[in-house]
Amino acid sequence: MKILARELGANIRAKRKDMGISQDDLALDCGVDRSYMGRIERGEVNITLKKLYSIAWALSCETAALLPPVAVIKSQD
């Protein structure tokens, strides 16, 4: 499931950059340390659903918009 964390993190980073939000600001909005947000974006940690919802809220999107397609995950298993 490392691919899931990596793809999710890449999607979070892409959305954040599209919105012009710094990693520091996103971390602050989500109540996490900037270094932890960096680890999320690099796919180094598995986050809770609660944290996923917090990130989606801060990015003004639905959680589904951040999740990678099932086909991408299954093709990497």
Protein backbone atom coordinates (compact mmCIF):
# COMPACT_ATOMS: atom_id res chain seq x y z
CA MET A 1 0.00 0.00 0.00
CA LYS A 2 2.99 2.32 -0.22
CA ILE A 3 1.78 3.30 -3.68
CA LEU A 4 -1.46 4.61 -2.14
CA ALA A 5 0.38 6.92 0.26
CA ARG A 6 2.70 8.10 -2.51
CA GLU A 7 -0.11 8.79 -5.00
CA LEU A 8 -2.28 10.46 -2.36
CA GLY A 9 0.63 12.67 -1.32
CA ALA A 10 1.35 13.63 -4.92
CA ASN A 11 -2.31 14.58 -5.41
CA ILE A 12 -2.29 16.69 -2.24
CA ARG A 13 0.88 18.47 -3.36
CA ALA A 14 -0.51 19.10 -6.86
CA LYS A 15 -3.77 20.53 -5.49
CA ARG A 16 -1.90 22.71 -2.99
CA LYS A 17 0.37 24.09 -5.70
CA ASP A 18 -2.57 24.66 -8.08
CA MET A 19 -4.19 26.76 -5.38
CA GLY A 20 -0.98 28.69 -4.68
CA ILE A 21 -0.88 27.62 -1.03
CA SER A 22 2.47 27.13 0.68
CA GLN A 23 3.22 23.90 2.49
CA ASP A 24 3.56 25.93 5.70
CA ASP A 25 0.10 27.46 5.29
CA LEU A 26 -1.52 24.12 4.51
CA ALA A 27 0.13 22.53 7.53
CA LEU A 28 -1.05 25.39 9.72
CA ASP A 29 -4.63 25.09 8.41
CA CYS A 30 -4.58 21.35 9.11
CA GLY A 31 -3.00 21.63 12.55
CA VAL A 32 0.12 19.63 11.70
CA ASP A 33 3.82 20.44 11.62
CA ARG A 34 5.22 21.52 8.25
CA SER A 35 7.70 18.65 8.27
CA TYR A 36 4.84 16.19 8.77
CA MET A 37 2.97 17.75 5.84
CA GLY A 38 6.11 17.24 3.77
CA ARG A 39 6.16 13.57 4.76
CA ILE A 40 2.48 13.28 3.78
CA GLU A 41 3.17 14.82 0.38
CA ARG A 42 6.12 12.49 -0.20
CA GLY A 43 4.01 9.46 0.72
CA GLU A 44 6.17 8.54 3.69
CA VAL A 45 3.30 8.21 6.16
CA ASN A 46 -0.19 6.76 6.18
CA ILE A 47 -2.68 9.36 7.30
CA THR A 48 -5.98 8.86 9.06
CA LEU A 49 -9.31 9.53 7.39
CA LYS A 50 -9.79 12.40 9.81
CA LYS A 51 -6.55 13.99 8.59
CA LEU A 52 -7.56 13.40 4.95
CA TYR A 53 -10.82 15.25 5.56
CA SER A 54 -8.92 18.07 7.27
CA ILE A 55 -6.60 18.41 4.28
CA ALA A 56 -9.49 18.31 1.81
CA TRP A 57 -11.30 21.00 3.81
CA ALA A 58 -8.19 23.20 3.79
CA LEU A 59 -7.84 22.67 0.03
CA SER A 60 -11.56 23.37 -0.58
CA CYS A 61 -12.15 20.06 -2.30
CA GLU A 62 -13.79 16.72 -1.72
CA THR A 63 -11.70 13.90 -0.32
CA ALA A 64 -12.35 11.88 -3.49
CA ALA A 65 -10.51 14.55 -5.49
CA LEU A 66 -7.33 13.69 -3.59
CA LEU A 67 -7.58 9.91 -3.79
CA PRO A 68 -5.89 8.10 -6.69
CA PRO A 69 -8.02 5.91 -8.96
CA VAL A 70 -8.42 2.30 -7.84
CA ALA A 71 -6.92 1.08 -11.12
CA VAL A 72 -3.64 2.89 -10.35
CA ILE A 73 -3.41 1.28 -6.93
CA LYS A 74 -4.37 -2.22 -8.10
CA SER A 75 -1.95 -2.12 -11.03
CA GLN A 76 0.92 -1.55 -8.59
CA ASP A 77 0.02 -4.40 -6.19
